[in-house]
Amino acid sequence: MELAIVGDTPAVLRVACIGEMCVPPRTEPLVERYGVEVYKRRVVIGLAGVTFMDSGGINWLVTCQKRFLTHGGRMVLHSVPEVVRKVFDLLNLWAVLKVVATETDALALP
């Protein structure tokens, strides 16, 4: 999985996930790329470019959500492709993760 910066302002970090969301255990792609302080920020993550998601990707998103909540930040996902939507439906991740339809919707949240 590739993480690409879409935009970075003091108010929000906008990131796009691209490719297969297969995250090995005990790795933190956001921290590796943006540092541990990322969990204190508001981060908007676009998933439109994700082509596949395995259990490592699921674990990574859930772990990130917990870390954002613990450290006072916020993670919002948007533009969920059908392949990811099916996984979210199967595991009811809609109840755990903050997901909106578009980046505009994500940026409109406080």
N, C-alpha and C. Protein backbone atom coordinates (compact mmCIF):
# COMPACT_ATOMS: atom_id res chain seq x y z
N MET A 1 0.84 -1.17 0.00
CA MET A 1 0.00 0.00 0.00
C MET A 1 0.89 1.23 0.00
N GLU A 2 0.51 2.17 -0.79
CA GLU A 2 1.21 3.45 -0.85
C GLU A 2 0.33 4.51 -0.18
N LEU A 3 0.95 5.37 0.62
CA LEU A 3 0.27 6.52 1.20
C LEU A 3 0.78 7.76 0.47
N ALA A 4 -0.12 8.49 -0.12
CA ALA A 4 0.25 9.70 -0.85
C ALA A 4 -0.37 10.91 -0.18
N ILE A 5 0.43 11.95 0.01
CA ILE A 5 -0.09 13.19 0.57
C ILE A 5 -0.93 13.90 -0.48
N VAL A 6 -2.16 14.21 -0.11
CA VAL A 6 -3.05 14.97 -0.98
C VAL A 6 -2.97 16.44 -0.57
N GLY A 7 -2.81 16.68 0.72
CA GLY A 7 -2.68 18.04 1.24
C GLY A 7 -2.27 17.99 2.70
N ASP A 8 -1.54 19.00 3.13
CA ASP A 8 -1.08 19.05 4.51
C ASP A 8 -1.10 20.50 4.98
N THR A 9 -2.05 20.82 5.83
CA THR A 9 -2.16 22.14 6.44
C THR A 9 -2.14 21.96 7.95
N PRO A 10 -2.00 23.03 8.70
CA PRO A 10 -2.07 22.87 10.16
C PRO A 10 -3.40 22.28 10.63
N ALA A 11 -4.46 22.50 9.88
CA ALA A 11 -5.79 22.02 10.28
C ALA A 11 -6.02 20.55 9.96
N VAL A 12 -5.49 20.07 8.85
CA VAL A 12 -5.81 18.70 8.42
C VAL A 12 -4.73 18.14 7.50
N LEU A 13 -4.46 16.86 7.70
CA LEU A 13 -3.59 16.10 6.80
C LEU A 13 -4.49 15.25 5.93
N ARG A 14 -4.37 15.40 4.60
CA ARG A 14 -5.17 14.62 3.66
C ARG A 14 -4.27 13.62 2.97
N VAL A 15 -4.66 12.34 3.06
CA VAL A 15 -3.85 11.23 2.56
C VAL A 15 -4.71 10.35 1.67
N ALA A 16 -4.09 9.77 0.66
CA ALA A 16 -4.76 8.79 -0.20
C ALA A 16 -4.05 7.44 -0.05
N CYS A 17 -4.81 6.39 0.15
CA CYS A 17 -4.27 5.03 0.15
C CYS A 17 -4.41 4.49 -1.27
N ILE A 18 -3.32 3.90 -1.76
CA ILE A 18 -3.31 3.42 -3.14
C ILE A 18 -2.79 1.99 -3.17
N GLY A 19 -3.49 1.13 -3.91
CA GLY A 19 -3.03 -0.25 -4.09
C GLY A 19 -3.66 -1.21 -3.11
N GLU A 20 -2.95 -2.30 -2.86
CA GLU A 20 -3.45 -3.34 -1.96
C GLU A 20 -3.19 -2.95 -0.51
N MET A 21 -4.24 -2.91 0.28
CA MET A 21 -4.10 -2.56 1.69
C MET A 21 -3.80 -3.83 2.46
N CYS A 22 -2.54 -4.22 2.40
CA CYS A 22 -2.01 -5.39 3.10
C CYS A 22 -0.92 -4.88 4.03
N VAL A 23 -1.25 -4.69 5.29
CA VAL A 23 -0.32 -4.08 6.23
C VAL A 23 0.22 -5.16 7.16
N PRO A 24 1.52 -5.39 7.15
CA PRO A 24 2.11 -6.41 8.03
C PRO A 24 1.87 -6.07 9.50
N PRO A 25 1.80 -7.10 10.36
CA PRO A 25 1.62 -6.87 11.80
C PRO A 25 2.71 -5.95 12.35
N ARG A 26 2.33 -5.18 13.34
CA ARG A 26 3.24 -4.30 14.08
C ARG A 26 3.91 -3.24 13.21
N THR A 27 3.28 -2.88 12.10
CA THR A 27 3.78 -1.77 11.31
C THR A 27 2.77 -0.64 11.38
N GLU A 28 3.26 0.57 11.29
CA GLU A 28 2.40 1.75 11.36
C GLU A 28 2.73 2.68 10.21
N PRO A 29 2.12 2.47 9.06
CA PRO A 29 2.44 3.28 7.89
C PRO A 29 2.30 4.79 8.11
N LEU A 30 1.30 5.22 8.86
CA LEU A 30 1.15 6.66 9.10
C LEU A 30 2.31 7.20 9.92
N VAL A 31 2.72 6.47 10.96
CA VAL A 31 3.83 6.91 11.81
C VAL A 31 5.13 6.88 11.03
N GLU A 32 5.32 5.85 10.23
CA GLU A 32 6.55 5.75 9.43
C GLU A 32 6.68 6.93 8.47
N ARG A 33 5.56 7.39 7.98
CA ARG A 33 5.57 8.47 6.99
C ARG A 33 5.50 9.87 7.60
N TYR A 34 4.69 10.00 8.69
CA TYR A 34 4.40 11.33 9.21
C TYR A 34 4.81 11.54 10.67
N GLY A 35 5.33 10.51 11.33
CA GLY A 35 5.76 10.63 12.72
C GLY A 35 4.63 10.34 13.70
N VAL A 36 5.00 10.06 14.93
CA VAL A 36 4.04 9.66 15.96
C VAL A 36 3.03 10.76 16.28
N GLU A 37 3.39 12.00 16.03
CA GLU A 37 2.47 13.12 16.30
C GLU A 37 1.24 13.10 15.39
N VAL A 38 1.26 12.27 14.37
CA VAL A 38 0.13 12.20 13.44
C VAL A 38 -1.17 11.84 14.17
N TYR A 39 -1.06 11.07 15.26
CA TYR A 39 -2.25 10.65 15.99
C TYR A 39 -2.90 11.78 16.79
N LYS A 40 -2.25 12.92 16.86
CA LYS A 40 -2.82 14.09 17.52
C LYS A 40 -3.51 15.01 16.51
N ARG A 41 -3.43 14.65 15.25
CA ARG A 41 -3.93 15.51 14.18
C ARG A 41 -5.29 15.05 13.68
N ARG A 42 -5.88 15.88 12.86
CA ARG A 42 -7.07 15.51 12.10
C ARG A 42 -6.56 15.00 10.76
N VAL A 43 -6.87 13.74 10.46
CA VAL A 43 -6.37 13.10 9.24
C VAL A 43 -7.56 12.56 8.44
N VAL A 44 -7.59 12.94 7.18
CA VAL A 44 -8.64 12.50 6.25
C VAL A 44 -7.97 11.54 5.27
N ILE A 45 -8.49 10.32 5.21
CA ILE A 45 -7.87 9.28 4.37
C ILE A 45 -8.84 8.85 3.28
N GLY A 46 -8.41 9.02 2.03
CA GLY A 46 -9.19 8.58 0.88
C GLY A 46 -8.84 7.15 0.52
N LEU A 47 -9.85 6.34 0.31
CA LEU A 47 -9.65 4.93 0.01
C LEU A 47 -9.98 4.58 -1.44
N ALA A 48 -10.28 5.55 -2.27
CA ALA A 48 -10.70 5.29 -3.65
C ALA A 48 -9.69 4.45 -4.43
N GLY A 49 -8.41 4.58 -4.11
CA GLY A 49 -7.36 3.86 -4.84
C GLY A 49 -7.04 2.48 -4.31
N VAL A 50 -7.77 2.04 -3.29
CA VAL A 50 -7.52 0.71 -2.71
C VAL A 50 -8.13 -0.35 -3.62
N THR A 51 -7.32 -1.34 -3.97
CA THR A 51 -7.78 -2.40 -4.88
C THR A 51 -8.05 -3.73 -4.17
N PHE A 52 -7.57 -3.85 -2.94
CA PHE A 52 -7.73 -5.08 -2.17
C PHE A 52 -7.46 -4.76 -0.71
N MET A 53 -8.13 -5.48 0.20
CA MET A 53 -7.88 -5.29 1.63
C MET A 53 -7.85 -6.64 2.30
N ASP A 54 -6.77 -6.90 3.06
CA ASP A 54 -6.71 -8.15 3.82
C ASP A 54 -6.88 -7.85 5.31
N SER A 55 -6.73 -8.87 6.14
CA SER A 55 -6.93 -8.69 7.58
C SER A 55 -5.93 -7.70 8.17
N GLY A 56 -4.74 -7.64 7.60
CA GLY A 56 -3.76 -6.66 8.06
C GLY A 56 -4.22 -5.23 7.84
N GLY A 57 -4.87 -4.98 6.72
CA GLY A 57 -5.41 -3.66 6.44
C GLY A 57 -6.55 -3.30 7.38
N ILE A 58 -7.40 -4.28 7.66
CA ILE A 58 -8.49 -4.07 8.61
C ILE A 58 -7.93 -3.75 9.99
N ASN A 59 -6.98 -4.58 10.43
CA ASN A 59 -6.37 -4.37 11.73
C ASN A 59 -5.72 -2.99 11.82
N TRP A 60 -5.05 -2.58 10.75
CA TRP A 60 -4.39 -1.28 10.74
C TRP A 60 -5.39 -0.15 10.92
N LEU A 61 -6.51 -0.19 10.19
CA LEU A 61 -7.51 0.87 10.31
C LEU A 61 -8.11 0.93 11.72
N VAL A 62 -8.44 -0.24 12.28
CA VAL A 62 -9.03 -0.28 13.62
C VAL A 62 -8.02 0.20 14.66
N THR A 63 -6.77 -0.22 14.53
CA THR A 63 -5.72 0.22 15.45
C THR A 63 -5.50 1.73 15.34
N CYS A 64 -5.49 2.24 14.11
CA CYS A 64 -5.35 3.69 13.92
C CYS A 64 -6.49 4.43 14.60
N GLN A 65 -7.70 3.95 14.42
CA GLN A 65 -8.86 4.61 15.03
C GLN A 65 -8.67 4.71 16.54
N LYS A 66 -8.24 3.62 17.15
CA LYS A 66 -8.03 3.60 18.60
C LYS A 66 -6.94 4.61 18.99
N ARG A 67 -5.86 4.65 18.24
CA ARG A 67 -4.76 5.56 18.57
C ARG A 67 -5.15 7.02 18.39
N PHE A 68 -5.92 7.31 17.36
CA PHE A 68 -6.40 8.68 17.18
C PHE A 68 -7.27 9.09 18.37
N LEU A 69 -8.16 8.23 18.78
CA LEU A 69 -9.03 8.53 19.92
C LEU A 69 -8.22 8.72 21.20
N THR A 70 -7.23 7.87 21.41
CA THR A 70 -6.39 7.94 22.61
C THR A 70 -5.57 9.22 22.67
N HIS A 71 -5.06 9.67 21.51
CA HIS A 71 -4.15 10.81 21.48
C HIS A 71 -4.81 12.14 21.12
N GLY A 72 -6.13 12.14 20.99
CA GLY A 72 -6.84 13.39 20.77
C GLY A 72 -6.99 13.83 19.32
N GLY A 73 -6.59 12.98 18.39
CA GLY A 73 -6.74 13.30 16.97
C GLY A 73 -8.06 12.75 16.43
N ARG A 74 -8.16 12.79 15.13
CA ARG A 74 -9.38 12.27 14.48
C ARG A 74 -9.03 11.73 13.11
N MET A 75 -9.55 10.55 12.80
CA MET A 75 -9.36 9.94 11.49
C MET A 75 -10.73 9.81 10.83
N VAL A 76 -10.83 10.28 9.60
CA VAL A 76 -12.06 10.14 8.82
C VAL A 76 -11.69 9.51 7.49
N LEU A 77 -12.40 8.46 7.13
CA LEU A 77 -12.20 7.77 5.85
C LEU A 77 -13.27 8.22 4.87
N HIS A 78 -12.92 8.22 3.60
CA HIS A 78 -13.90 8.60 2.57
C HIS A 78 -13.61 7.86 1.26
N SER A 79 -14.56 7.96 0.36
CA SER A 79 -14.44 7.41 -1.00
C SER A 79 -14.11 5.92 -0.97
N VAL A 80 -14.95 5.17 -0.29
CA VAL A 80 -14.72 3.74 -0.10
C VAL A 80 -15.13 2.98 -1.36
N PRO A 81 -14.18 2.28 -2.00
CA PRO A 81 -14.53 1.51 -3.19
C PRO A 81 -15.33 0.25 -2.82
N GLU A 82 -15.98 -0.33 -3.78
CA GLU A 82 -16.85 -1.49 -3.56
C GLU A 82 -16.12 -2.64 -2.88
N VAL A 83 -14.89 -2.92 -3.26
CA VAL A 83 -14.14 -4.03 -2.68
C VAL A 83 -13.94 -3.82 -1.18
N VAL A 84 -13.74 -2.60 -0.75
CA VAL A 84 -13.58 -2.30 0.68
C VAL A 84 -14.94 -2.22 1.35
N ARG A 85 -15.90 -1.69 0.66
CA ARG A 85 -17.27 -1.58 1.20
C ARG A 85 -17.80 -2.96 1.62
N LYS A 86 -17.52 -3.97 0.83
CA LYS A 86 -17.97 -5.33 1.15
C LYS A 86 -17.35 -5.83 2.44
N VAL A 87 -16.07 -5.53 2.64
CA VAL A 87 -15.39 -5.92 3.87
C VAL A 87 -15.99 -5.16 5.06
N PHE A 88 -16.20 -3.86 4.90
CA PHE A 88 -16.80 -3.06 5.97
C PHE A 88 -18.19 -3.58 6.32
N ASP A 89 -18.97 -3.96 5.30
CA ASP A 89 -20.30 -4.51 5.54
C ASP A 89 -20.22 -5.83 6.32
N LEU A 90 -19.38 -6.73 5.86
CA LEU A 90 -19.25 -8.05 6.47
C LEU A 90 -18.87 -7.96 7.94
N LEU A 91 -17.96 -7.04 8.27
CA LEU A 91 -17.44 -6.93 9.64
C LEU A 91 -18.10 -5.81 10.45
N ASN A 92 -19.07 -5.14 9.85
CA ASN A 92 -19.76 -4.00 10.47
C ASN A 92 -18.77 -2.95 10.97
N LEU A 93 -17.78 -2.65 10.16
CA LEU A 93 -16.79 -1.64 10.53
C LEU A 93 -17.36 -0.23 10.51
N TRP A 94 -18.54 -0.08 9.96
CA TRP A 94 -19.20 1.23 9.93
C TRP A 94 -19.45 1.70 11.37
N ALA A 95 -19.62 0.76 12.29
CA ALA A 95 -19.88 1.10 13.69
C ALA A 95 -18.61 1.52 14.43
N VAL A 96 -17.45 1.15 13.89
CA VAL A 96 -16.17 1.40 14.56
C VAL A 96 -15.43 2.58 13.95
N LEU A 97 -15.47 2.69 12.65
CA LEU A 97 -14.71 3.71 11.92
C LEU A 97 -15.61 4.87 11.51
N LYS A 98 -15.05 6.06 11.44
CA LYS A 98 -15.79 7.21 10.93
C LYS A 98 -15.58 7.24 9.42
N VAL A 99 -16.67 7.01 8.68
CA VAL A 99 -16.60 6.93 7.22
C VAL A 99 -17.68 7.83 6.62
N VAL A 100 -17.28 8.64 5.66
CA VAL A 100 -18.21 9.49 4.93
C VAL A 100 -18.06 9.25 3.44
N ALA A 101 -18.97 9.76 2.65
CA ALA A 101 -18.99 9.47 1.22
C ALA A 101 -17.84 10.09 0.45
N THR A 102 -17.57 11.37 0.70
CA THR A 102 -16.59 12.09 -0.13
C THR A 102 -15.58 12.86 0.72
N GLU A 103 -14.51 13.29 0.07
CA GLU A 103 -13.53 14.12 0.76
C GLU A 103 -14.15 15.43 1.23
N THR A 104 -15.03 15.99 0.43
CA THR A 104 -15.74 17.23 0.82
C THR A 104 -16.51 17.02 2.11
N ASP A 105 -17.20 15.87 2.23
CA ASP A 105 -17.92 15.55 3.46
C ASP A 105 -16.97 15.43 4.64
N ALA A 106 -15.82 14.79 4.41
CA ALA A 106 -14.83 14.59 5.47
C ALA A 106 -14.28 15.94 5.95
N LEU A 107 -13.99 16.82 5.01
CA LEU A 107 -13.43 18.12 5.38
C LEU A 107 -14.46 19.02 6.06
N ALA A 108 -15.73 18.77 5.85
CA ALA A 108 -16.79 19.57 6.47
C ALA A 108 -17.01 19.21 7.94
N LEU A 109 -16.50 18.06 8.36
CA LEU A 109 -16.66 17.66 9.76
C LEU A 109 -15.73 18.49 10.64
N PRO A 110 -16.17 18.72 11.88
CA PRO A 110 -15.30 19.50 12.80
C PRO A 110 -14.06 18.73 13.20
